[in-house]
Amino acid sequence: MKRRIQITISIVVLFVIGTFNVPALYADLVWDGGYHEFSEGLEGEIDMINGATADITGGYISILRCLDTSAVFVYEPSEIGLIKPFNSATVNIYGGTITTVLAEDSSNTSIYDGSLVEISARGLSSVNLYTDSYEFDPTGGTFGNGLLTGTWLYGSNFFSIDLVAEETINHINFVPEPSTMSLLVIGSLILSHITKKK
């Protein structure tokens, strides 16, 4: 009897630990490995697992969770309510309308263009913003944790992004950095001057 109780308790503990450590698989649709496309229609929740890769080129997705080493590429005119990368997942946003990016674990998100309302980043995640210019107001935005405004490097569309958590700014990389842009401009001017002399 005592042994049966210990086994039952062990099973319950493993179930509880497993439930809290697995962030997804509650979705309406699961992309398990391989290549996938989404271009039209409406979908509630999609989970990407086991290295799945996807191109999102249209339609509306309420929640897109990217786990493991999955990779997603988002283009205009897609609409996504929430993109949530976990583990070592990769998210690339080239356009579209996204309400929230919630980056976790060691995920990597790169945003080149598009309309984005808010970002939250935690853990060891990184968010790369490819900007032509930007300004950061550390007390601005809806949550008072910071507001980023500026223009994208590709597409030159204006953006205004709320930072949900205070730590989010520490996870954001601006590409290229302003100093890098200055060096590129100076290098171009010198090169054009040398070319004109010849």
Protein backbone atom coordinates (compact mmCIF):
# COMPACT_ATOMS: atom_id res chain seq x y z
CA MET A 1 0.00 0.00 0.00
CA LYS A 2 2.82 2.40 0.97
CA ARG A 3 4.64 1.62 -2.31
CA ARG A 4 1.45 2.30 -4.33
CA ILE A 5 1.03 5.72 -2.65
CA GLN A 6 4.69 6.63 -3.41
CA ILE A 7 4.25 5.68 -7.08
CA THR A 8 1.00 7.67 -7.30
CA ILE A 9 2.65 10.73 -5.72
CA SER A 10 5.63 10.40 -8.10
CA ILE A 11 3.33 10.28 -11.13
CA VAL A 12 1.39 13.34 -9.93
CA VAL A 13 4.63 15.28 -9.29
CA LEU A 14 6.00 14.40 -12.75
CA PHE A 15 2.70 15.42 -14.35
CA VAL A 16 2.67 18.78 -12.53
CA ILE A 17 6.34 19.51 -13.37
CA GLY A 18 5.74 18.52 -17.01
CA THR A 19 2.66 20.71 -17.24
CA PHE A 20 4.45 23.82 -16.00
CA ASN A 21 7.63 23.31 -18.05
CA VAL A 22 5.89 22.77 -21.38
CA PRO A 23 4.71 26.20 -22.55
CA ALA A 24 2.45 25.12 -25.38
CA LEU A 25 0.58 22.37 -27.23
CA TYR A 26 -2.84 23.73 -26.39
CA ALA A 27 -3.20 24.95 -29.94
CA ASP A 28 -5.89 24.35 -32.52
CA LEU A 29 -3.15 23.49 -35.01
CA VAL A 30 0.34 22.01 -34.37
CA TRP A 31 3.10 22.20 -36.96
CA ASP A 32 5.43 19.34 -36.00
CA GLY A 33 8.66 19.68 -38.00
CA GLY A 34 8.86 20.27 -41.76
CA TYR A 35 7.86 23.32 -43.81
CA HIS A 36 4.47 25.03 -43.55
CA GLU A 37 2.69 27.98 -45.18
CA PHE A 38 -0.17 30.16 -43.98
CA SER A 39 -1.54 32.68 -46.46
CA GLU A 40 -5.27 33.14 -45.87
CA GLY A 41 -8.13 32.54 -43.47
CA LEU A 42 -8.36 32.70 -39.70
CA GLU A 43 -6.66 30.47 -37.15
CA GLY A 44 -7.00 30.62 -33.36
CA GLU A 45 -3.69 29.19 -32.10
CA ILE A 46 -0.74 27.54 -33.85
CA ASP A 47 2.16 25.82 -32.10
CA MET A 48 5.41 25.16 -33.99
CA ILE A 49 7.57 22.33 -32.62
CA ASN A 50 10.52 20.09 -33.52
CA GLY A 51 12.25 22.48 -35.89
CA ALA A 52 9.18 23.40 -37.93
CA THR A 53 9.67 26.25 -40.43
CA ALA A 54 6.88 28.46 -41.74
CA ASP A 55 6.18 31.37 -44.06
CA ILE A 56 3.21 33.50 -42.98
CA THR A 57 2.17 35.60 -45.98
CA GLY A 58 -1.43 36.55 -45.15
CA GLY A 59 -4.49 35.72 -43.10
CA TYR A 60 -4.99 36.16 -39.36
CA ILE A 61 -3.54 34.09 -36.49
CA SER A 62 -4.59 34.83 -32.92
CA ILE A 63 -1.58 33.22 -31.18
CA LEU A 64 1.57 31.78 -32.77
CA ARG A 65 3.88 29.92 -30.37
CA CYS A 66 7.33 28.92 -31.64
CA LEU A 67 9.16 26.24 -29.64
CA ASP A 68 12.37 24.25 -29.81
CA THR A 69 14.36 25.35 -32.88
CA SER A 70 11.37 26.37 -34.99
CA ALA A 71 11.65 29.35 -37.34
CA VAL A 72 8.93 31.60 -38.74
CA PHE A 73 9.04 34.29 -41.43
CA VAL A 74 6.22 36.85 -41.38
CA TYR A 75 5.36 39.04 -44.38
CA GLU A 76 2.78 41.65 -45.43
CA PRO A 77 -0.29 41.51 -45.22
CA SER A 78 -0.29 38.97 -42.34
CA GLU A 79 -2.00 39.78 -39.05
CA ILE A 80 -0.97 38.09 -35.80
CA GLY A 81 -2.29 38.89 -32.33
CA LEU A 82 0.61 37.36 -30.35
CA ILE A 83 3.90 35.80 -31.43
CA LYS A 84 5.56 33.95 -28.57
CA PRO A 85 9.00 32.44 -29.28
CA PHE A 86 10.41 30.01 -26.67
CA ASN A 87 13.56 27.91 -26.32
CA SER A 88 15.90 28.63 -29.28
CA ALA A 89 13.18 29.57 -31.76
CA THR A 90 13.75 32.22 -34.44
CA VAL A 91 11.19 34.82 -35.55
CA ASN A 92 11.77 37.08 -38.58
CA ILE A 93 9.23 39.85 -39.24
CA TYR A 94 9.46 41.53 -42.67
CA GLY A 95 6.01 43.09 -42.60
CA GLY A 96 2.45 42.62 -41.48
CA THR A 97 0.55 43.72 -38.39
CA ILE A 98 1.53 42.16 -35.07
CA THR A 99 0.01 43.21 -31.77
CA THR A 100 2.51 41.63 -29.35
CA VAL A 101 5.88 39.90 -29.47
CA LEU A 102 6.60 38.06 -26.21
CA ALA A 103 10.15 36.67 -26.41
CA GLU A 104 11.24 34.03 -23.88
CA ASP A 105 14.22 31.78 -23.10
CA SER A 106 17.06 31.98 -25.71
CA SER A 107 14.83 32.90 -28.65
CA ASN A 108 15.92 35.38 -31.31
CA THR A 109 13.51 37.81 -32.97
CA SER A 110 14.47 40.11 -35.85
CA ILE A 111 12.10 42.85 -37.00
CA TYR A 112 12.79 44.54 -40.33
CA ASP A 113 9.47 46.26 -41.06
CA GLY A 114 5.79 46.12 -40.22
CA SER A 115 3.33 47.43 -37.69
CA LEU A 116 4.02 46.30 -34.12
CA VAL A 117 2.19 47.50 -30.99
CA GLU A 118 4.26 46.05 -28.10
CA ILE A 119 7.28 43.95 -27.19
CA SER A 120 8.15 42.02 -24.05
CA ALA A 121 11.46 40.16 -23.77
CA ARG A 122 12.76 38.07 -20.88
CA GLY A 123 15.35 35.42 -20.06
CA LEU A 124 18.21 35.26 -22.56
CA SER A 125 16.06 36.28 -25.52
CA SER A 126 17.18 38.93 -28.00
CA VAL A 127 15.15 41.24 -30.23
CA ASN A 128 16.94 42.86 -33.19
CA LEU A 129 15.30 46.00 -34.58
CA TYR A 130 16.56 47.04 -38.03
CA THR A 131 16.06 50.79 -37.78
CA ASP A 132 17.03 53.79 -39.86
CA SER A 133 16.51 56.03 -36.83
CA TYR A 134 14.94 55.65 -33.40
CA GLU A 135 14.24 57.43 -30.11
CA PHE A 136 13.71 55.82 -26.73
CA ASP A 137 11.54 57.40 -24.02
CA PRO A 138 12.29 55.33 -20.87
CA THR A 139 9.09 56.39 -19.07
CA GLY A 140 6.79 56.55 -22.09
CA GLY A 141 4.28 54.13 -23.49
CA THR A 142 1.10 52.60 -22.16
CA PHE A 143 2.89 50.69 -19.38
CA GLY A 144 5.40 53.42 -18.47
CA ASN A 145 8.27 51.00 -19.18
CA GLY A 146 9.46 52.70 -22.34
CA LEU A 147 8.37 53.76 -25.80
CA LEU A 148 10.39 53.27 -28.99
CA THR A 149 9.66 55.43 -32.00
CA GLY A 150 11.44 55.76 -35.31
CA THR A 151 11.59 54.42 -38.86
CA TRP A 152 12.53 50.97 -40.12
CA LEU A 153 15.74 50.59 -42.11
CA TYR A 154 13.93 48.52 -44.75
CA GLY A 155 10.65 49.98 -45.94
CA SER A 156 11.14 53.27 -44.04
CA ASN A 157 7.75 52.96 -42.31
CA PHE A 158 7.32 54.81 -39.00
CA PHE A 159 6.97 52.71 -35.84
CA SER A 160 5.83 53.32 -32.27
CA ILE A 161 6.34 50.34 -29.94
CA ASP A 162 5.42 50.02 -26.25
CA LEU A 163 7.78 48.02 -24.04
CA VAL A 164 5.68 45.84 -21.75
CA ALA A 165 8.34 44.94 -19.16
CA GLU A 166 11.01 47.28 -17.83
CA GLU A 167 13.80 44.80 -18.64
CA THR A 168 12.77 44.55 -22.32
CA ILE A 169 15.08 47.40 -23.45
CA ASN A 170 18.08 45.34 -22.22
CA HIS A 171 17.18 42.62 -24.74
CA ILE A 172 16.86 44.93 -27.76
CA ASN A 173 19.67 45.39 -30.28
CA PHE A 174 19.46 48.21 -32.79
CA VAL A 175 20.88 47.24 -36.17
CA PRO A 176 22.84 48.97 -37.49
CA GLU A 177 23.95 50.89 -34.43
CA PRO A 178 24.15 54.68 -34.92
CA SER A 179 27.98 54.56 -34.71
CA THR A 180 28.05 51.92 -37.46
CA MET A 181 25.85 54.10 -39.68
CA SER A 182 28.15 57.09 -39.08
CA LEU A 183 31.18 55.03 -40.12
CA LEU A 184 29.36 53.84 -43.25
CA VAL A 185 28.47 57.41 -44.23
CA ILE A 186 32.01 58.68 -43.60
CA GLY A 187 33.47 55.72 -45.51
CA SER A 188 31.14 56.39 -48.46
CA LEU A 189 32.13 60.07 -48.53
CA ILE A 190 35.86 59.26 -48.47
CA LEU A 191 35.44 56.60 -51.16
CA SER A 192 33.48 58.97 -53.43
CA HIS A 193 36.13 61.68 -52.91
CA ILE A 194 38.94 59.27 -53.86
CA THR A 195 36.97 58.05 -56.89
CA LYS A 196 36.43 61.64 -58.11
CA LYS A 197 40.16 62.41 -57.90
CA LYS A 198 40.98 59.52 -60.24
